[in-house]
Amino acid sequence: MAGLSRVHHVVENNQLQVAGLAIEDAIKIAGGTPCYIYDGQQVVNNIKNLKRRLPSKVKLHYAIKANPFPSLITRMATVIDGFDVASHQEMLLALASGLKSHAVSIAGPGKSDTDLSAAICAGVTINVESKFELTRLHALSETLKKRAKVALRINPAFELKQSGMKMSGGAKQFGIDEEQVLGVLDYINSDYIDFKGFHIFSGSQNLSEAAIIECHNQTFELISRLLNDTPFKASHINIGGGFGVAYFEHESPLNLEPIIDNLQVLLTTYAAVLKGVDIHLELGRYLVADAGIYLTRVVDKKVSRGTTFLVVDGGMHHHLANSGNLGQVIRKNYPVCVANRYQHNNQEQVDIVGPLCTPLDIVAAKVHLPTCQPDDIIAVMQSGAYGASASPQSFLSQPTLREVLL
């Protein structure tokens, strides 16, 4: 199958299994295709397995933006240490999960007064992105007669090298430049602000253990300087995430062992300055990507000038990242298979495309799969993160997508 050697999967009676069910049974539960199926137990196992390996001082948080499906968030709340959110709606999801408000934080530039007031009243920690945002929080806290729980988000001078998305170093809309932090700390009025710590998120989707270790080393050195210089007692430091997922051919899964070993060394090295301070590790796709599968049914098969096309009932409007995000320079395939005939002696090279009137609607290009016919099921693996919620579902007014947690 196309790239599936990298993906955890179970096959029985020549059908892909999802959450312990045959693929057609899962589709019937969902109500048809196209659909996302999330394996709730796989997510729980991912969280538990990682928490067992992390030092006890490190608390594991989930960045809800990776997948905000409400049933999934509720399931995760039973095992995760905290949620990190990027909007008012995500904050409401986190609070509705049953997790206590002190385990929730909100980040992002451009928070509205509504966002900030809601966070203050709920007791959620606000990761402040600028001095002006802090000024607004002083005023809102005075009006509401409630202290705002605040951590300062830092834009360090360094970056997380080899990241799919870099969020620190240089000029950024995220956080307060590290050289400006002390001046902002001096501005805090404790009558209105309950200082909680710092947030340093340098990048995401990184598959280099060496790059993550280097970033952690720089992060802890910066944390040490900040904690020594701040007049306030910190209760936690969010060191971000960055742990990547291997989606494409020739990518190797991230080796966590040296990263975790290095975290333990850093915690020992900086034990004195970190006394009474928890470390938050904020991960998103790393916890959920392998627990999601996107299923779409073949509705047509045609040959055009030597190329065989499978036309399916789903596509880029449901899974934008898989399609190439509206036109990557070099598009790569997520791992795909024919879910209802996983193995077959006859193979063919096909392009799998969706129903939209755009050549960008690509599910997979030039993949070798068992010979397909209309009504077969195509499965796109590693689809538990940045899928439905990160896609233009209303584009061309196609039928509604289904999502199910099993």
Protein backbone atom coordinates (compact mmCIF):
# COMPACT_ATOMS: atom_id res chain seq x y z
CA MET A 1 0.00 0.00 0.00
CA ALA A 2 1.10 3.57 -0.58
CA GLY A 3 3.35 4.50 2.32
CA LEU A 4 1.55 2.38 4.92
CA SER A 5 4.72 0.81 6.30
CA ARG A 6 4.98 3.95 8.44
CA VAL A 7 1.45 3.71 9.83
CA HIS A 8 -0.06 1.64 12.64
CA HIS A 9 -2.95 -0.36 11.17
CA VAL A 10 -4.82 -3.65 11.57
CA VAL A 11 -6.11 -5.76 8.68
CA GLU A 12 -8.62 -8.62 8.97
CA ASN A 13 -10.33 -10.52 6.13
CA ASN A 14 -8.52 -8.23 3.70
CA GLN A 15 -10.25 -5.17 5.18
CA LEU A 16 -8.62 -2.34 7.07
CA GLN A 17 -9.85 -2.18 10.67
CA VAL A 18 -10.48 1.08 12.50
CA ALA A 19 -11.17 1.22 16.25
CA GLY A 20 -11.57 -2.56 16.15
CA LEU A 21 -14.27 -2.46 13.47
CA ALA A 22 -14.38 -3.51 9.83
CA ILE A 23 -14.28 -0.48 7.62
CA GLU A 24 -17.82 -0.90 6.23
CA ASP A 25 -19.20 -1.22 9.76
CA ALA A 26 -17.45 1.99 10.80
CA ILE A 27 -18.89 3.75 7.76
CA LYS A 28 -22.40 2.57 8.63
CA ILE A 29 -21.98 3.94 12.16
CA ALA A 30 -20.84 7.26 10.71
CA GLY A 31 -23.81 7.34 8.35
CA GLY A 32 -21.85 7.13 5.11
CA THR A 33 -18.89 8.68 3.34
CA PRO A 34 -17.02 10.97 3.24
CA CYS A 35 -16.16 10.72 6.93
CA TYR A 36 -13.44 10.96 9.52
CA ILE A 37 -13.23 8.11 12.03
CA TYR A 38 -11.21 8.76 15.20
CA ASP A 39 -10.03 5.91 17.41
CA GLY A 40 -10.53 7.23 20.93
CA GLN A 41 -8.60 4.43 22.60
CA GLN A 42 -5.60 5.07 20.36
CA VAL A 43 -5.54 8.71 21.48
CA VAL A 44 -5.79 7.69 25.14
CA ASN A 45 -2.98 5.17 24.65
CA ASN A 46 -0.81 7.80 22.94
CA ILE A 47 -1.22 10.15 25.89
CA LYS A 48 -0.71 7.51 28.57
CA ASN A 49 2.37 6.06 26.88
CA LEU A 50 4.01 9.44 26.54
CA LYS A 51 3.19 10.51 30.10
CA ARG A 52 4.81 7.31 31.40
CA ARG A 53 8.03 8.25 29.66
CA LEU A 54 8.17 11.94 30.54
CA PRO A 55 9.78 13.20 33.77
CA SER A 56 7.14 13.73 36.47
CA LYS A 57 7.78 17.47 36.52
CA VAL A 58 6.63 17.72 32.88
CA LYS A 59 2.88 18.08 32.45
CA LEU A 60 1.44 17.04 29.09
CA HIS A 61 -0.91 19.52 27.41
CA TYR A 62 -2.90 19.20 24.18
CA ALA A 63 -3.20 22.05 21.68
CA ILE A 64 -6.87 21.85 20.72
CA LYS A 65 -6.29 23.50 17.33
CA ALA A 66 -4.83 20.20 16.07
CA ASN A 67 -8.29 18.60 16.27
CA PRO A 68 -11.17 20.28 18.14
CA PHE A 69 -13.78 17.55 17.63
CA PRO A 70 -15.85 17.86 20.85
CA SER A 71 -16.18 14.13 21.59
CA LEU A 72 -12.43 13.74 21.19
CA ILE A 73 -11.72 16.62 23.59
CA THR A 74 -14.03 15.09 26.21
CA ARG A 75 -12.28 11.71 25.89
CA MET A 76 -8.83 13.31 26.15
CA ALA A 77 -9.80 15.24 29.28
CA THR A 78 -9.78 11.98 31.24
CA VAL A 79 -6.03 11.51 30.75
CA ILE A 80 -4.42 14.82 29.65
CA ASP A 81 -2.92 17.31 32.13
CA GLY A 82 -4.13 20.43 30.37
CA PHE A 83 -5.53 22.07 27.25
CA ASP A 84 -4.02 24.98 25.33
CA VAL A 85 -6.49 26.90 23.18
CA ALA A 86 -6.31 29.61 20.53
CA SER A 87 -9.84 31.05 20.53
CA HIS A 88 -12.89 31.69 22.68
CA GLN A 89 -14.70 28.72 21.12
CA GLU A 90 -11.78 26.38 21.84
CA MET A 91 -11.75 27.67 25.41
CA LEU A 92 -15.43 26.76 25.78
CA LEU A 93 -14.65 23.28 24.42
CA ALA A 94 -11.89 22.86 26.99
CA LEU A 95 -14.08 24.02 29.86
CA ALA A 96 -16.98 21.80 28.75
CA SER A 97 -14.69 18.76 28.82
CA GLY A 98 -14.66 18.68 32.60
CA LEU A 99 -11.04 19.75 32.96
CA LYS A 100 -10.55 22.46 35.60
CA SER A 101 -9.97 26.01 34.35
CA HIS A 102 -6.54 26.23 35.99
CA ALA A 103 -5.38 23.55 33.50
CA VAL A 104 -6.43 25.66 30.48
CA SER A 105 -4.50 28.45 28.78
CA ILE A 106 -5.33 30.67 25.82
CA ALA A 107 -2.80 32.08 23.35
CA GLY A 108 -2.80 33.94 20.07
CA PRO A 109 -2.37 37.52 18.83
CA GLY A 110 -5.39 39.77 18.44
CA LYS A 111 -7.52 38.50 21.32
CA SER A 112 -10.71 40.53 21.60
CA ASP A 113 -12.05 42.07 24.81
CA THR A 114 -14.69 39.32 24.71
CA ASP A 115 -11.95 36.66 24.61
CA LEU A 116 -10.01 38.27 27.44
CA SER A 117 -13.04 38.91 29.65
CA ALA A 118 -14.22 35.33 29.21
CA ALA A 119 -10.80 34.00 30.15
CA ILE A 120 -10.57 36.26 33.20
CA CYS A 121 -13.99 35.22 34.47
CA ALA A 122 -13.35 31.53 33.78
CA GLY A 123 -9.97 31.54 35.54
CA VAL A 124 -8.10 30.50 32.41
CA THR A 125 -4.43 31.50 32.04
CA ILE A 126 -3.93 34.13 29.33
CA ASN A 127 -0.67 33.95 27.37
CA VAL A 128 -0.04 37.64 26.73
CA GLU A 129 1.34 38.51 23.30
CA SER A 130 2.20 42.22 23.77
CA LYS A 131 2.48 45.07 26.24
CA PHE A 132 -0.72 46.58 24.84
CA GLU A 133 -2.61 43.36 25.48
CA LEU A 134 -1.36 43.49 29.06
CA THR A 135 -2.59 47.08 29.32
CA ARG A 136 -6.04 45.98 28.21
CA LEU A 137 -6.00 43.16 30.76
CA HIS A 138 -5.28 45.64 33.57
CA ALA A 139 -8.31 47.69 32.54
CA LEU A 140 -10.60 44.70 32.10
CA SER A 141 -9.55 43.19 35.41
CA GLU A 142 -10.27 46.46 37.18
CA THR A 143 -13.72 46.65 35.59
CA LEU A 144 -14.54 43.00 36.29
CA LYS A 145 -13.02 43.16 39.79
CA LYS A 146 -11.19 39.92 39.09
CA ARG A 147 -7.45 39.30 38.76
CA ALA A 148 -6.35 37.96 35.39
CA LYS A 149 -4.16 34.86 35.38
CA VAL A 150 -1.32 35.77 33.04
CA ALA A 151 1.77 34.19 31.50
CA LEU A 152 3.98 36.18 29.17
CA ARG A 153 4.50 34.61 25.77
CA ILE A 154 8.12 35.11 24.74
CA ASN A 155 9.51 35.47 21.22
CA PRO A 156 13.08 34.25 21.83
CA ALA A 157 16.02 35.23 19.68
CA PHE A 158 16.49 31.58 18.65
CA GLU A 159 14.25 29.40 16.48
CA LEU A 160 13.39 25.71 16.26
CA LYS A 161 15.43 24.72 13.25
CA GLN A 162 14.06 22.36 10.58
CA SER A 163 10.47 23.04 11.63
CA GLY A 164 7.52 22.83 9.29
CA MET A 165 6.34 26.11 10.84
CA LYS A 166 8.70 28.45 12.72
CA MET A 167 7.08 30.63 15.37
CA SER A 168 10.05 32.33 17.04
CA GLY A 169 13.26 34.16 16.19
CA GLY A 170 13.31 37.35 14.17
CA ALA A 171 10.24 39.56 13.84
CA LYS A 172 7.07 37.66 14.75
CA GLN A 173 3.46 38.48 15.55
CA PHE A 174 3.69 35.94 18.37
CA GLY A 175 4.87 36.94 21.83
CA ILE A 176 7.07 39.59 23.36
CA ASP A 177 10.65 39.83 22.12
CA GLU A 178 12.93 38.43 24.82
CA GLU A 179 14.88 41.68 25.06
CA GLN A 180 11.63 43.52 25.96
CA VAL A 181 10.39 41.10 28.61
CA LEU A 182 11.89 42.73 31.68
CA GLY A 183 10.32 46.07 30.79
CA VAL A 184 6.93 44.40 30.43
CA LEU A 185 7.35 42.58 33.75
CA ASP A 186 7.98 45.94 35.44
CA TYR A 187 4.62 47.10 34.13
CA ILE A 188 2.62 44.33 35.85
CA ASN A 189 0.35 45.50 38.68
CA SER A 190 -0.34 42.57 41.00
CA ASP A 191 -3.63 44.11 42.11
CA TYR A 192 -5.00 43.15 38.70
CA ILE A 193 -2.60 40.52 37.37
CA ASP A 194 -1.90 37.07 38.85
CA PHE A 195 1.43 36.19 37.21
CA LYS A 196 1.76 32.49 36.35
CA GLY A 197 4.89 32.17 34.22
CA PHE A 198 6.14 32.14 30.65
CA HIS A 199 5.18 30.56 27.35
CA ILE A 200 7.88 29.80 24.76
CA PHE A 201 6.58 28.06 21.63
CA SER A 202 9.24 28.02 18.92
CA GLY A 203 7.87 25.82 16.14
CA SER A 204 5.93 22.78 15.04
CA GLN A 205 6.08 19.61 12.91
CA ASN A 206 9.75 18.87 13.55
CA LEU A 207 11.28 15.43 12.89
CA SER A 208 14.83 16.26 14.00
CA GLU A 209 15.75 15.08 17.50
CA ALA A 210 18.90 17.22 17.37
CA ALA A 211 16.97 20.38 16.50
CA ILE A 212 14.43 19.84 19.29
CA ILE A 213 17.18 19.14 21.82
CA GLU A 214 19.06 22.29 20.78
CA CYS A 215 15.87 24.32 21.13
CA HIS A 216 15.14 22.83 24.57
CA ASN A 217 18.67 23.69 25.70
CA GLN A 218 18.22 27.30 24.58
CA THR A 219 14.72 27.46 26.07
CA PHE A 220 15.84 26.32 29.53
CA GLU A 221 18.78 28.72 29.48
CA LEU A 222 16.38 31.57 28.66
CA ILE A 223 13.92 30.39 31.31
CA SER A 224 16.70 30.40 33.91
CA ARG A 225 17.58 34.01 33.10
CA LEU A 226 13.95 35.12 33.13
CA LEU A 227 13.15 33.42 36.44
CA ASN A 228 16.23 34.91 38.06
CA ASP A 229 15.31 38.41 36.88
CA THR A 230 11.54 38.48 37.40
CA PRO A 231 10.19 39.89 40.68
CA PHE A 232 7.27 37.42 40.54
CA LYS A 233 7.04 33.77 41.46
CA ALA A 234 6.22 31.55 38.48
CA SER A 235 4.11 28.41 38.80
CA HIS A 236 4.67 27.03 35.30
CA ILE A 237 6.65 27.36 32.09
CA ASN A 238 5.19 26.24 28.76
CA ILE A 239 8.09 25.07 26.56
CA GLY A 240 5.88 24.54 23.51
CA GLY A 241 5.82 21.41 21.43
CA GLY A 242 7.22 20.85 17.97
CA PHE A 243 7.14 17.04 17.96
CA GLY A 244 6.46 16.08 14.35
CA VAL A 245 4.64 13.24 12.61
CA ALA A 246 6.08 11.29 9.67
CA TYR A 247 3.50 11.68 6.90
CA PHE A 248 5.44 11.16 3.70
CA GLU A 249 7.76 8.69 2.00
CA HIS A 250 11.38 8.81 3.18
CA GLU A 251 10.40 10.46 6.49
CA SER A 252 11.39 8.65 9.69
CA PRO A 253 9.36 8.84 12.92
CA LEU A 254 10.74 11.11 15.62
CA ASN A 255 12.95 9.28 18.12
CA LEU A 256 11.77 10.51 21.52
CA GLU A 257 14.37 8.77 23.67
CA PRO A 258 17.19 11.32 23.36
CA ILE A 259 14.70 14.21 23.70
CA ILE A 260 13.27 12.82 26.94
CA ASP A 261 16.73 11.98 28.29
CA ASN A 262 17.85 15.55 27.57
CA LEU A 263 14.77 16.98 29.30
CA GLN A 264 15.71 15.05 32.43
CA VAL A 265 19.26 16.42 32.26
CA LEU A 266 17.92 19.96 31.90
CA LEU A 267 15.54 19.54 34.82
CA THR A 268 18.42 18.35 36.98
CA THR A 269 20.75 21.12 35.79
CA TYR A 270 18.21 23.85 36.48
CA ALA A 271 16.58 22.21 39.51
CA ALA A 272 17.25 25.13 41.86
CA VAL A 273 15.70 27.84 39.70
CA LEU A 274 12.80 25.56 38.72
CA LYS A 275 11.84 24.65 42.28
CA GLY A 276 8.05 24.74 42.52
CA VAL A 277 7.69 25.38 38.77
CA ASP A 278 5.93 22.89 36.50
CA ILE A 279 6.99 22.43 32.89
CA HIS A 280 4.20 22.20 30.32
CA LEU A 281 4.86 20.31 27.10
CA GLU A 282 2.27 21.42 24.52
CA LEU A 283 1.67 18.89 21.75
CA GLY A 284 -0.99 18.73 19.06
CA ARG A 285 -0.74 16.48 16.02
CA TYR A 286 1.74 14.16 17.77
CA LEU A 287 -1.07 12.94 20.05
CA VAL A 288 -3.87 12.55 17.51
CA ALA A 289 -2.60 12.21 13.91
CA ASP A 290 -2.27 8.42 13.87
CA ALA A 291 -5.69 7.95 15.51
CA GLY A 292 -7.65 9.46 12.63
CA ILE A 293 -8.59 8.07 9.22
CA TYR A 294 -10.40 9.81 6.35
CA LEU A 295 -12.68 7.56 4.30
CA THR A 296 -14.05 8.37 0.87
CA ARG A 297 -15.89 6.18 -1.67
CA VAL A 298 -15.00 5.73 -5.35
CA VAL A 299 -17.86 7.03 -7.52
CA ASP A 300 -16.22 6.89 -10.95
CA LYS A 301 -13.21 5.44 -12.74
CA LYS A 302 -11.90 6.83 -16.00
CA VAL A 303 -8.81 6.78 -18.20
CA SER A 304 -7.63 10.02 -19.74
CA ARG A 305 -4.71 9.84 -22.17
CA GLY A 306 -3.00 7.05 -20.31
CA THR A 307 -3.75 8.20 -16.75
CA THR A 308 -6.27 6.27 -14.65
CA PHE A 309 -8.39 8.47 -12.40
CA LEU A 310 -10.42 7.33 -9.42
CA VAL A 311 -13.03 9.99 -8.66
CA VAL A 312 -14.18 9.87 -5.02
CA ASP A 313 -16.91 11.61 -3.04
CA GLY A 314 -14.50 13.51 -0.78
CA GLY A 315 -11.46 15.68 -1.29
CA MET A 316 -9.66 18.92 -0.53
CA HIS A 317 -12.72 20.60 1.00
CA HIS A 318 -12.52 18.00 3.78
CA HIS A 319 -8.76 17.34 3.94
CA LEU A 320 -6.92 20.41 2.71
CA ALA A 321 -3.53 19.39 4.13
CA ASN A 322 -3.63 16.08 2.26
CA SER A 323 -4.53 17.79 -1.02
CA GLY A 324 -1.52 20.12 -0.82
CA ASN A 325 -2.93 23.21 0.91
CA LEU A 326 -4.19 24.98 -2.21
CA GLY A 327 -1.14 24.23 -4.29
CA GLN A 328 2.20 23.24 -2.76
CA VAL A 329 5.22 23.60 -5.02
CA ILE A 330 5.98 19.91 -4.49
CA ARG A 331 2.88 17.98 -3.43
CA LYS A 332 3.33 14.77 -1.42
CA ASN A 333 0.88 11.95 -0.71
CA TYR A 334 -0.35 11.04 2.72
CA PRO A 335 -0.36 7.23 3.15
CA VAL A 336 -3.43 5.79 1.39
CA CYS A 337 -4.92 2.35 0.80
CA VAL A 338 -8.00 0.62 -0.57
CA ALA A 339 -9.67 -0.09 2.74
CA ASN A 340 -12.09 -2.82 1.65
CA ARG A 341 -9.57 -4.77 -0.48
CA TYR A 342 -6.33 -4.12 1.33
CA GLN A 343 -4.29 -6.60 -0.73
CA HIS A 344 -4.84 -7.79 -4.28
CA ASN A 345 -2.61 -9.43 -6.86
CA ASN A 346 -3.57 -6.91 -9.51
CA GLN A 347 -2.06 -3.46 -8.96
CA GLU A 348 -2.43 -0.27 -10.94
CA GLN A 349 -1.10 3.28 -10.85
CA VAL A 350 -3.87 5.81 -10.27
CA ASP A 351 -4.56 9.43 -9.47
CA ILE A 352 -7.30 9.80 -6.85
CA VAL A 353 -9.28 13.02 -7.20
CA GLY A 354 -12.31 14.55 -5.55
CA PRO A 355 -15.59 15.95 -6.90
CA LEU A 356 -14.65 19.64 -6.92
CA CYS A 357 -14.29 21.67 -10.10
CA THR A 358 -10.60 22.44 -9.55
CA PRO A 359 -7.43 20.55 -10.53
CA LEU A 360 -6.20 21.11 -6.96
CA ASP A 361 -8.72 18.56 -5.63
CA ILE A 362 -6.20 15.73 -5.29
CA VAL A 363 -6.48 12.92 -2.74
CA ALA A 364 -3.39 11.02 -4.00
CA ALA A 365 -1.25 11.25 -7.13
CA LYS A 366 0.55 8.45 -9.01
CA VAL A 367 -0.01 5.83 -6.31
CA HIS A 368 0.09 2.07 -6.85
CA LEU A 369 -2.97 0.37 -5.34
CA PRO A 370 -5.01 -2.80 -5.78
CA THR A 371 -7.22 -2.48 -8.85
CA CYS A 372 -10.26 -0.43 -7.84
CA GLN A 373 -13.83 -0.14 -9.01
CA PRO A 374 -16.65 2.25 -8.16
CA ASP A 375 -17.96 1.71 -4.60
CA ASP A 376 -14.52 0.77 -3.22
CA ILE A 377 -13.32 2.71 -0.17
CA ILE A 378 -10.16 4.84 -0.15
CA ALA A 379 -8.60 5.45 3.27
CA VAL A 380 -6.25 8.34 3.97
CA MET A 381 -4.24 7.50 7.06
CA GLN A 382 -2.53 9.83 9.57
CA SER A 383 -5.62 12.06 9.33
CA GLY A 384 -6.36 12.77 12.98
CA ALA A 385 -4.85 16.27 12.97
CA TYR A 386 -5.54 19.40 10.93
CA GLY A 387 -8.22 17.66 8.90
CA ALA A 388 -11.89 18.64 9.01
CA SER A 389 -11.50 21.85 11.04
CA ALA A 390 -8.58 23.06 8.89
CA SER A 391 -10.41 22.59 5.57
CA PRO A 392 -12.81 24.77 3.54
CA GLN A 393 -15.83 22.52 4.01
CA SER A 394 -18.30 24.96 2.45
CA PHE A 395 -16.26 25.33 -0.76
CA LEU A 396 -18.53 24.59 -3.75
CA SER A 397 -21.36 23.67 -1.36
CA GLN A 398 -20.67 19.94 -1.30
CA PRO A 399 -22.55 17.60 1.10
CA THR A 400 -21.76 17.78 4.79
CA LEU A 401 -18.79 15.85 6.17
CA ARG A 402 -19.26 13.32 8.98
CA GLU A 403 -16.96 12.91 11.99
CA VAL A 404 -17.21 10.07 14.50
CA LEU A 405 -15.25 9.07 17.59
CA LEU A 406 -15.25 5.32 18.22
